[in-house]
N, C-alpha and C. Protein backbone atom coordinates (compact mmCIF):
# COMPACT_ATOMS: atom_id res chain seq x y z
N MET A 1 140.78 108.14 66.89
CA MET A 1 140.47 106.69 67.09
C MET A 1 139.39 106.26 68.26
N LYS A 2 140.49 106.60 69.60
CA LYS A 2 139.78 106.30 71.00
C LYS A 2 138.50 107.22 70.90
N HIS A 3 137.96 108.53 70.31
CA HIS A 3 136.72 108.85 70.29
C HIS A 3 135.64 108.36 69.64
N LEU A 4 136.17 108.06 68.36
CA LEU A 4 135.47 106.60 67.25
C LEU A 4 134.79 105.57 68.09
N THR A 5 136.01 105.11 68.70
CA THR A 5 135.54 103.78 69.50
C THR A 5 134.82 104.06 70.50
N ILE A 6 134.44 105.09 70.98
CA ILE A 6 133.93 105.57 72.44
C ILE A 6 132.51 105.89 71.98
N ALA A 7 132.42 106.25 71.03
CA ALA A 7 131.01 106.79 70.17
C ALA A 7 130.47 105.64 69.91
N ILE A 8 131.13 104.75 69.30
CA ILE A 8 130.65 103.38 68.98
C ILE A 8 130.12 102.20 70.09
N VAL A 9 131.01 101.87 70.69
CA VAL A 9 130.30 101.87 72.49
C VAL A 9 129.32 102.17 72.45
N ALA A 10 129.36 103.69 72.64
CA ALA A 10 127.87 104.31 73.33
C ALA A 10 126.49 104.13 72.33
N ALA A 11 126.79 104.18 70.97
CA ALA A 11 125.94 103.91 70.63
C ALA A 11 125.41 102.65 70.74
N ALA A 12 126.33 101.56 70.59
CA ALA A 12 125.76 100.26 70.62
C ALA A 12 125.01 99.90 71.98
N ALA A 13 125.18 100.93 73.41
CA ALA A 13 124.80 100.39 74.22
C ALA A 13 123.42 101.50 74.27
N LEU A 14 123.59 102.26 73.69
CA LEU A 14 121.73 102.81 73.70
C LEU A 14 121.03 102.09 72.69
N ALA A 15 121.41 101.16 71.58
CA ALA A 15 120.64 100.48 71.19
C ALA A 15 120.04 99.12 71.52
N LEU A 16 120.73 98.70 72.47
CA LEU A 16 120.18 97.47 73.53
C LEU A 16 118.78 98.07 74.23
N PRO A 17 117.94 96.87 74.04
CA PRO A 17 116.90 97.14 74.86
C PRO A 17 116.68 97.14 76.24
N ALA A 18 116.09 98.31 76.97
CA ALA A 18 116.18 98.09 78.41
C ALA A 18 115.71 97.13 78.96
N ALA A 19 116.51 96.61 80.30
CA ALA A 19 115.66 95.34 80.61
C ALA A 19 115.82 95.92 82.09
N ALA A 20 114.53 94.96 83.18
CA ALA A 20 114.75 95.20 84.01
C ALA A 20 115.89 94.38 85.19
N ALA A 21 116.49 95.19 85.81
CA ALA A 21 117.56 94.51 86.83
C ALA A 21 117.35 93.51 87.35
N LEU A 22 115.83 93.44 88.22
CA LEU A 22 115.53 92.69 89.07
C LEU A 22 114.90 91.10 88.30
N LYS A 23 115.42 90.29 88.75
CA LYS A 23 115.01 89.03 87.50
C LYS A 23 114.69 87.90 88.89
N PRO A 24 113.85 86.80 88.52
CA PRO A 24 113.30 85.70 88.99
C PRO A 24 114.57 85.52 89.89
N GLY A 25 114.28 85.19 91.36
CA GLY A 25 114.90 84.80 92.26
C GLY A 25 115.18 85.68 93.34
N ALA A 26 115.73 87.38 92.60
CA ALA A 26 116.28 88.68 93.65
C ALA A 26 115.23 89.12 94.59
N ALA A 27 116.07 89.58 95.80
CA ALA A 27 114.77 90.07 96.43
C ALA A 27 114.09 91.41 95.88
N ALA A 28 113.00 91.37 96.02
CA ALA A 28 112.23 92.80 95.70
C ALA A 28 112.17 93.68 97.00
N PRO A 29 112.72 95.20 96.47
CA PRO A 29 112.54 95.82 97.46
C PRO A 29 111.45 96.17 98.03
N ASP A 30 111.86 96.53 99.37
CA ASP A 30 110.22 96.90 100.37
C ASP A 30 110.21 98.28 100.15
N PHE A 31 108.79 98.50 100.17
CA PHE A 31 108.29 100.49 100.18
C PHE A 31 107.27 100.42 100.65
N VAL A 32 107.00 101.76 100.86
CA VAL A 32 105.45 102.05 101.52
C VAL A 32 105.78 103.42 100.97
N ALA A 33 104.42 103.75 100.45
CA ALA A 33 103.98 104.41 99.53
C ALA A 33 102.69 105.57 99.61
N GLN A 34 102.39 106.59 99.22
CA GLN A 34 101.20 106.94 99.05
C GLN A 34 100.69 106.73 98.18
N ALA A 35 98.83 105.84 98.17
CA ALA A 35 98.40 105.42 97.22
C ALA A 35 96.94 105.42 97.52
N SER A 36 96.09 105.30 95.97
CA SER A 36 95.11 105.47 95.76
C SER A 36 94.16 104.45 95.45
N LEU A 37 92.94 104.78 96.03
CA LEU A 37 92.08 103.40 95.76
C LEU A 37 90.64 103.89 96.23
N GLY A 38 90.07 104.08 94.29
CA GLY A 38 88.98 104.50 94.62
C GLY A 38 88.91 105.90 95.21
N GLY A 39 89.84 106.71 94.31
CA GLY A 39 89.80 107.95 94.84
C GLY A 39 90.43 108.54 96.75
N LYS A 40 90.34 107.43 97.23
CA LYS A 40 90.56 107.37 98.70
C LYS A 40 92.27 107.21 99.20
N GLU A 41 92.67 107.75 99.61
CA GLU A 41 94.07 108.01 99.59
C GLU A 41 94.83 107.23 100.64
N PHE A 42 95.86 106.04 101.06
CA PHE A 42 95.82 105.32 102.18
C PHE A 42 97.54 105.31 101.82
N SER A 43 98.36 104.50 103.01
CA SER A 43 99.81 104.47 102.57
C SER A 43 100.22 102.35 102.52
N PHE A 44 100.22 102.55 101.10
CA PHE A 44 100.46 101.18 100.71
C PHE A 44 101.89 100.72 101.10
N SER A 45 102.08 99.26 101.90
CA SER A 45 103.22 98.67 102.34
C SER A 45 103.08 97.34 101.34
N LEU A 46 104.26 97.28 101.02
CA LEU A 46 104.78 96.07 100.14
C LEU A 46 104.58 94.71 101.15
N ALA A 47 105.31 95.05 102.21
CA ALA A 47 105.76 93.86 103.44
C ALA A 47 103.85 93.66 103.42
N GLU A 48 103.44 94.91 103.72
CA GLU A 48 101.90 94.57 104.53
C GLU A 48 101.36 93.61 103.55
N ALA A 49 101.60 93.88 101.95
CA ALA A 49 100.43 93.36 101.19
C ALA A 49 100.67 91.66 100.89
N LEU A 50 102.31 91.66 101.01
CA LEU A 50 102.47 90.05 100.70
C LEU A 50 102.48 89.26 102.08
N LYS A 51 101.87 89.88 102.97
CA LYS A 51 101.56 88.68 104.08
C LYS A 51 100.16 88.32 103.78
N LYS A 52 99.50 88.60 102.65
CA LYS A 52 98.06 88.15 102.18
C LYS A 52 98.13 87.34 100.87
N GLY A 53 99.76 87.52 100.47
CA GLY A 53 100.01 86.71 99.14
C GLY A 53 100.71 87.10 98.32
N PRO A 54 100.64 86.76 97.02
CA PRO A 54 101.75 87.50 96.38
C PRO A 54 101.39 88.44 95.32
N VAL A 55 102.15 89.20 94.81
CA VAL A 55 101.98 91.11 94.66
C VAL A 55 102.09 91.13 93.01
N VAL A 56 101.39 91.35 92.31
CA VAL A 56 101.73 91.87 90.93
C VAL A 56 101.87 93.58 91.42
N LEU A 57 103.12 93.88 91.02
CA LEU A 57 103.66 95.38 90.83
C LEU A 57 103.60 95.86 89.58
N TYR A 58 103.16 96.51 89.00
CA TYR A 58 103.64 97.48 87.61
C TYR A 58 103.63 98.67 87.51
N PHE A 59 104.87 99.18 86.96
CA PHE A 59 105.40 100.34 86.94
C PHE A 59 104.65 100.93 85.04
N TYR A 60 104.32 101.98 85.63
CA TYR A 60 103.21 103.09 84.15
C TYR A 60 104.59 104.13 83.87
N PRO A 61 104.55 104.83 82.67
CA PRO A 61 104.79 105.81 82.73
C PRO A 61 104.10 106.75 83.01
N ALA A 62 103.07 107.58 82.65
CA ALA A 62 102.19 108.16 83.11
C ALA A 62 100.47 108.13 83.08
N ALA A 63 99.95 108.38 84.21
CA ALA A 63 98.19 108.57 84.15
C ALA A 63 97.60 109.23 83.03
N PHE A 64 96.59 108.65 82.02
CA PHE A 64 95.50 109.21 81.37
C PHE A 64 96.16 109.48 79.94
N THR A 65 97.70 108.93 79.97
CA THR A 65 98.32 108.62 78.75
C THR A 65 97.52 107.28 78.05
N PRO A 66 97.78 107.09 76.67
CA PRO A 66 96.88 105.97 75.78
C PRO A 66 97.17 104.49 76.40
N GLY A 67 98.54 104.49 76.36
CA GLY A 67 98.87 103.24 76.85
C GLY A 67 98.68 102.67 78.48
N CYS A 68 98.81 103.91 79.18
CA CYS A 68 98.70 103.60 80.39
C CYS A 68 96.89 103.17 80.95
N THR A 69 96.39 104.13 80.42
CA THR A 69 94.79 103.75 80.51
C THR A 69 94.51 102.39 79.95
N VAL A 70 94.67 102.33 78.44
CA VAL A 70 94.80 100.63 78.23
C VAL A 70 95.12 99.29 79.47
N GLU A 71 96.41 99.81 79.60
CA GLU A 71 96.64 98.64 80.61
C GLU A 71 96.27 98.85 82.13
N ALA A 72 95.50 100.10 82.60
CA ALA A 72 94.74 100.13 83.71
C ALA A 72 93.51 99.49 83.55
N HIS A 73 92.90 99.75 82.22
CA HIS A 73 91.37 98.67 82.18
C HIS A 73 91.79 97.17 82.05
N GLU A 74 92.95 96.80 81.46
CA GLU A 74 93.24 95.33 81.31
C GLU A 74 93.24 94.63 82.92
N PHE A 75 94.20 95.90 83.81
CA PHE A 75 94.23 95.14 85.13
C PHE A 75 93.01 95.07 86.01
N ALA A 76 92.04 96.11 85.68
CA ALA A 76 90.96 96.23 86.49
C ALA A 76 89.93 95.04 86.07
N GLU A 77 90.06 94.73 84.58
CA GLU A 77 89.01 94.07 83.67
C GLU A 77 89.74 92.07 84.55
N ALA A 78 90.78 92.34 84.83
CA ALA A 78 91.42 91.09 85.13
C ALA A 78 91.49 90.82 86.94
N ILE A 79 90.84 91.88 87.74
CA ILE A 79 91.33 91.91 89.05
C ILE A 79 90.67 90.38 89.59
N GLU A 80 89.62 89.78 89.23
CA GLU A 80 88.96 88.61 89.99
C GLU A 80 89.91 87.84 89.42
N LYS A 81 90.69 87.64 88.66
CA LYS A 81 91.23 86.10 88.19
C LYS A 81 92.54 86.65 89.30
N TYR A 82 92.98 87.48 89.32
CA TYR A 82 94.04 87.96 90.25
C TYR A 82 94.18 87.48 91.71
N ALA A 83 92.60 88.07 92.51
CA ALA A 83 92.27 87.55 93.60
C ALA A 83 91.93 86.08 93.55
N ALA A 84 91.67 85.37 92.64
CA ALA A 84 91.40 84.07 92.20
C ALA A 84 92.69 83.00 92.39
N LEU A 85 94.00 83.72 92.22
CA LEU A 85 94.89 83.30 92.70
C LEU A 85 95.56 83.45 93.98
N GLY A 86 94.97 84.36 94.80
CA GLY A 86 95.55 84.90 95.73
C GLY A 86 96.52 85.93 95.63
N ALA A 87 95.95 86.59 94.72
CA ALA A 87 97.21 88.06 94.28
C ALA A 87 96.62 89.56 94.21
N SER A 88 97.57 90.37 94.53
CA SER A 88 96.84 91.67 94.45
C SER A 88 97.94 92.37 93.76
N VAL A 89 97.74 93.55 93.23
CA VAL A 89 97.63 94.28 92.06
C VAL A 89 98.08 95.64 92.46
N ILE A 90 98.97 96.34 92.40
CA ILE A 90 99.40 97.56 92.37
C ILE A 90 100.15 98.36 91.11
N GLY A 91 99.72 99.18 90.58
CA GLY A 91 100.55 100.22 89.66
C GLY A 91 101.31 101.19 90.67
N VAL A 92 102.56 101.37 90.16
CA VAL A 92 103.34 102.69 90.39
C VAL A 92 103.63 103.79 89.48
N SER A 93 103.34 105.14 89.35
CA SER A 93 103.72 105.82 88.49
C SER A 93 104.44 107.21 89.32
N SER A 94 105.54 108.07 88.37
CA SER A 94 105.85 109.33 89.10
C SER A 94 104.52 110.61 89.39
N ASP A 95 103.17 110.28 88.96
CA ASP A 95 102.59 111.05 88.85
C ASP A 95 101.84 111.61 90.74
N ASP A 96 101.74 112.65 90.60
CA ASP A 96 101.11 112.95 92.08
C ASP A 96 99.68 112.32 92.71
N ILE A 97 99.84 112.32 93.70
CA ILE A 97 98.92 111.64 94.40
C ILE A 97 96.93 112.17 94.09
N VAL A 98 97.14 113.69 93.52
CA VAL A 98 95.33 114.15 93.32
C VAL A 98 95.26 113.61 91.89
N THR A 99 96.39 113.75 91.20
CA THR A 99 96.14 112.73 89.92
C THR A 99 95.70 111.44 89.95
N LEU A 100 96.55 110.73 90.90
CA LEU A 100 96.15 109.17 91.29
C LEU A 100 94.68 108.77 91.60
N HIS A 101 94.17 109.90 92.76
CA HIS A 101 93.07 109.61 92.89
C HIS A 101 91.74 109.75 91.72
N LYS A 102 92.11 110.52 90.86
CA LYS A 102 91.35 110.60 89.33
C LYS A 102 91.40 109.47 88.97
N PHE A 103 92.69 108.91 88.38
CA PHE A 103 93.12 107.83 87.87
C PHE A 103 92.39 106.44 88.10
N SER A 104 92.60 106.34 89.77
CA SER A 104 92.10 105.17 90.64
C SER A 104 90.91 104.85 90.13
N VAL A 105 89.90 105.92 90.05
CA VAL A 105 88.54 105.83 89.93
C VAL A 105 88.05 105.88 88.72
N SER A 106 88.85 106.48 87.75
CA SER A 106 87.97 106.69 86.36
C SER A 106 88.71 105.35 85.10
N GLU A 107 90.11 105.13 85.51
CA GLU A 107 90.76 104.54 84.79
C GLU A 107 91.11 102.81 85.51
N CYS A 108 91.60 102.87 86.73
CA CYS A 108 91.72 101.56 87.21
C CYS A 108 90.25 100.89 87.66
N ARG A 109 89.15 101.98 87.58
CA ARG A 109 87.65 101.73 87.71
C ARG A 109 87.51 101.22 89.47
N SER A 110 88.44 101.77 90.32
CA SER A 110 87.97 101.68 91.74
C SER A 110 88.58 100.13 92.09
N LYS A 111 89.06 99.55 91.40
CA LYS A 111 89.65 97.54 91.39
C LYS A 111 90.90 97.59 92.05
N PHE A 112 91.77 98.02 91.88
CA PHE A 112 93.17 98.28 92.40
C PHE A 112 93.92 99.94 92.78
N PRO A 113 94.88 99.80 93.97
CA PRO A 113 95.03 100.59 94.23
C PRO A 113 96.41 101.24 92.82
N VAL A 114 96.53 102.51 93.28
CA VAL A 114 97.86 103.02 92.22
C VAL A 114 98.67 103.75 93.26
N ALA A 115 100.16 103.76 93.35
CA ALA A 115 101.31 104.83 94.11
C ALA A 115 101.89 105.60 93.53
N ALA A 116 101.74 106.81 94.25
CA ALA A 116 102.80 108.01 93.88
C ALA A 116 104.24 107.51 93.98
N ASP A 117 105.04 108.05 92.94
CA ASP A 117 106.49 107.70 93.19
C ASP A 117 106.79 109.22 92.53
N GLY A 118 106.94 110.14 92.96
CA GLY A 118 107.50 111.28 92.87
C GLY A 118 108.84 111.72 92.70
N ASP A 119 109.57 110.88 93.48
CA ASP A 119 110.81 111.35 93.58
C ASP A 119 111.27 109.74 93.18
N GLN A 120 110.68 109.07 92.65
CA GLN A 120 111.14 107.72 91.70
C GLN A 120 112.13 106.86 92.80
N LYS A 121 111.99 106.81 93.81
CA LYS A 121 112.65 106.08 94.62
C LYS A 121 112.57 104.17 94.58
N ILE A 122 111.18 104.16 94.51
CA ILE A 122 110.74 102.79 94.17
C ILE A 122 110.93 102.67 92.66
N THR A 123 110.54 103.34 91.64
CA THR A 123 111.15 102.77 90.17
C THR A 123 112.67 102.77 90.29
N LYS A 124 113.25 103.04 90.92
CA LYS A 124 114.98 103.05 90.76
C LYS A 124 115.30 101.89 91.20
N ALA A 125 114.63 101.62 92.78
CA ALA A 125 114.90 100.33 93.04
C ALA A 125 114.55 98.80 92.51
N TYR A 126 113.58 99.14 91.75
CA TYR A 126 113.12 98.11 90.54
C TYR A 126 113.69 98.31 89.19
N ASP A 127 114.52 99.35 88.89
CA ASP A 127 115.34 99.07 88.03
C ASP A 127 114.57 99.38 86.63
N ALA A 128 113.31 100.73 86.81
CA ALA A 128 111.91 100.76 86.04
C ALA A 128 111.93 102.02 85.45
N VAL A 129 112.94 102.61 85.33
CA VAL A 129 113.15 103.93 85.03
C VAL A 129 112.94 104.08 83.14
N LEU A 130 112.77 104.94 82.79
CA LEU A 130 112.31 104.44 81.41
C LEU A 130 113.61 105.72 80.71
N ALA A 131 114.49 104.83 79.85
CA ALA A 131 115.78 105.15 79.76
C ALA A 131 115.70 106.40 78.67
N ARG A 132 114.57 105.99 77.67
CA ARG A 132 115.15 107.77 77.09
C ARG A 132 114.07 108.80 77.51
N LYS A 133 113.03 108.82 78.52
CA LYS A 133 112.66 109.78 79.52
C LYS A 133 113.09 109.40 81.02
N PRO A 134 114.21 109.34 81.21
CA PRO A 134 113.83 109.22 82.76
C PRO A 134 112.86 109.93 83.98
N GLU A 135 112.61 110.89 83.42
CA GLU A 135 111.37 111.27 83.85
C GLU A 135 110.17 110.22 84.32
N TYR A 136 110.27 109.58 84.07
CA TYR A 136 109.02 108.21 83.55
C TYR A 136 109.57 106.93 83.91
N ALA A 137 108.73 106.11 84.64
CA ALA A 137 108.71 105.04 84.51
C ALA A 137 108.54 104.32 83.35
N ASN A 138 109.50 103.04 82.72
CA ASN A 138 108.90 102.29 81.60
C ASN A 138 107.92 101.28 82.30
N ARG A 139 107.52 100.74 81.18
CA ARG A 139 106.18 99.76 81.39
C ARG A 139 107.01 98.36 81.61
N THR A 140 106.79 98.10 83.28
CA THR A 140 107.68 96.97 83.95
C THR A 140 106.73 96.26 84.76
N SER A 141 106.80 94.97 84.64
CA SER A 141 105.52 94.26 85.30
C SER A 141 106.39 93.07 85.92
N TYR A 142 106.19 93.32 87.85
CA TYR A 142 106.75 91.99 88.43
C TYR A 142 105.27 91.21 88.84
N VAL A 143 106.03 90.10 89.27
CA VAL A 143 105.26 89.24 90.12
C VAL A 143 106.15 88.82 91.08
N ILE A 144 105.07 89.02 92.70
CA ILE A 144 106.32 89.07 94.01
C ILE A 144 105.61 88.11 94.74
N ALA A 145 106.53 87.23 95.24
CA ALA A 145 106.15 86.05 95.73
C ALA A 145 106.04 86.51 97.49
N PRO A 146 104.82 85.80 98.37
CA PRO A 146 105.04 86.24 99.52
C PRO A 146 106.16 85.87 100.10
N ASP A 147 106.86 85.50 100.11
CA ASP A 147 108.39 85.56 100.88
C ASP A 147 109.12 86.76 100.50
N GLY A 148 108.55 87.56 99.78
CA GLY A 148 109.72 88.47 98.92
C GLY A 148 110.54 88.80 97.87
N SER A 149 110.42 87.52 97.04
CA SER A 149 111.27 87.14 95.85
C SER A 149 110.24 87.71 94.78
N ILE A 150 111.32 88.03 93.80
CA ILE A 150 110.86 88.45 92.51
C ILE A 150 110.71 86.55 91.77
N LEU A 151 109.38 86.57 91.33
CA LEU A 151 108.86 85.72 90.75
C LEU A 151 109.04 85.72 88.82
N TYR A 152 108.70 87.05 88.67
CA TYR A 152 108.48 87.08 87.34
C TYR A 152 108.93 88.56 87.28
N GLU A 153 109.58 89.34 85.82
CA GLU A 153 109.23 90.20 85.80
C GLU A 153 109.04 90.26 83.98
N TYR A 154 108.76 91.52 83.88
CA TYR A 154 108.38 91.64 82.02
C TYR A 154 108.45 93.33 81.92
N THR A 155 109.10 93.74 81.06
CA THR A 155 109.21 95.08 80.59
C THR A 155 109.24 95.03 78.99
N ASP A 156 108.12 95.91 78.69
CA ASP A 156 107.57 96.19 77.11
C ASP A 156 106.47 97.42 77.41
N LEU A 157 107.03 98.54 76.57
CA LEU A 157 106.55 99.64 76.27
C LEU A 157 105.16 99.18 75.56
N ASP A 158 104.75 98.22 75.12
CA ASP A 158 103.45 97.68 74.58
C ASP A 158 102.56 97.20 75.72
N PRO A 159 101.82 97.63 76.07
CA PRO A 159 100.69 97.29 77.58
C PRO A 159 99.87 95.93 77.14
N SER A 160 100.31 95.50 75.98
CA SER A 160 99.03 94.42 75.72
C SER A 160 99.50 92.70 76.42
N MET A 161 100.58 92.79 76.34
CA MET A 161 100.63 91.62 77.16
C MET A 161 101.17 91.58 79.04
N HIS A 162 100.91 92.51 79.15
CA HIS A 162 101.19 92.51 81.01
C HIS A 162 100.14 92.02 81.53
N VAL A 163 99.17 91.68 81.68
CA VAL A 163 98.53 91.10 82.51
C VAL A 163 98.36 89.26 82.28
N GLU A 164 98.09 89.41 80.74
CA GLU A 164 98.33 87.88 80.48
C GLU A 164 99.40 87.18 80.87
N ASN A 165 100.87 87.68 80.75
CA ASN A 165 102.11 87.36 81.22
C ASN A 165 101.94 87.43 82.83
N THR A 166 101.64 88.27 83.51
CA THR A 166 101.82 87.84 84.90
C THR A 166 100.53 87.16 85.56
N LEU A 167 99.37 86.97 84.82
CA LEU A 167 98.62 85.73 85.24
C LEU A 167 99.13 84.67 84.93
N ASP A 168 99.81 84.29 83.74
CA ASP A 168 100.45 83.38 83.99
C ASP A 168 101.36 82.82 84.79
N ALA A 169 102.53 83.68 84.95
CA ALA A 169 103.37 83.67 86.20
C ALA A 169 102.70 82.91 87.39
N LEU A 170 101.56 83.68 87.56
CA LEU A 170 100.99 83.37 89.09
C LEU A 170 100.38 81.91 88.86
N GLN A 171 99.65 81.77 87.59
CA GLN A 171 99.21 80.31 87.66
C GLN A 171 100.50 79.37 87.40
N LYS A 172 101.57 79.43 87.06
CA LYS A 172 102.63 78.58 87.12
C LYS A 172 102.72 78.56 88.43
N TRP A 173 103.15 79.41 89.16
CA TRP A 173 103.58 79.57 91.11
C TRP A 173 102.59 78.40 91.89
N LYS A 174 101.14 79.22 91.57
CA LYS A 174 100.19 78.36 91.99
C LYS A 174 100.51 76.94 92.04
N ALA A 175 100.46 76.68 91.08
CA ALA A 175 100.61 75.12 90.72
C ALA A 175 101.95 74.67 91.40
N GLY A 176 102.98 75.33 91.25
CA GLY A 176 104.34 74.21 91.93
C GLY A 176 104.00 74.86 93.28
N GLN A 177 103.21 75.10 94.38
CA GLN A 177 102.66 75.58 95.29
C GLN A 177 101.97 74.30 95.78
N LYS A 178 101.34 73.47 95.19
CA LYS A 178 100.50 71.89 95.51
C LYS A 178 101.70 70.91 95.76
């Protein structure tokens, strides 16, 4: 009976949707990472980016996969809207920097950087590990205020609403700043 109870509890836990642990109001973990913008490598610092305004930090499973390509295109197409709200965008995956040099040019269209997180330190700090395949990041987007607090988080493997939802969260934040 004890084993049956454990099995039922374990099955129920696996059936629950994974949700990012960092909720609005939480402190965003600071990080520095190798990143690529337009195929050029640089050191991305969250603390430095936040000095310029809010940051949209999005995690994606892997470069050049269908959903991640669609999402990168959508972020690239919306980059002027983010800039108009004073925000910057960075994508993070466990891909190596060589792969990200290519992805930053072809799929991100040299509009925003993508960072390499091969050891998943950043992904784990943001509780964005894909439960079914822990070697990949889940598709999770965060909006981080200039003070380093989480304004918004959204997790869904479907890439279709990440740009719209993060822009909406930024617009609401900006309206509250007046």
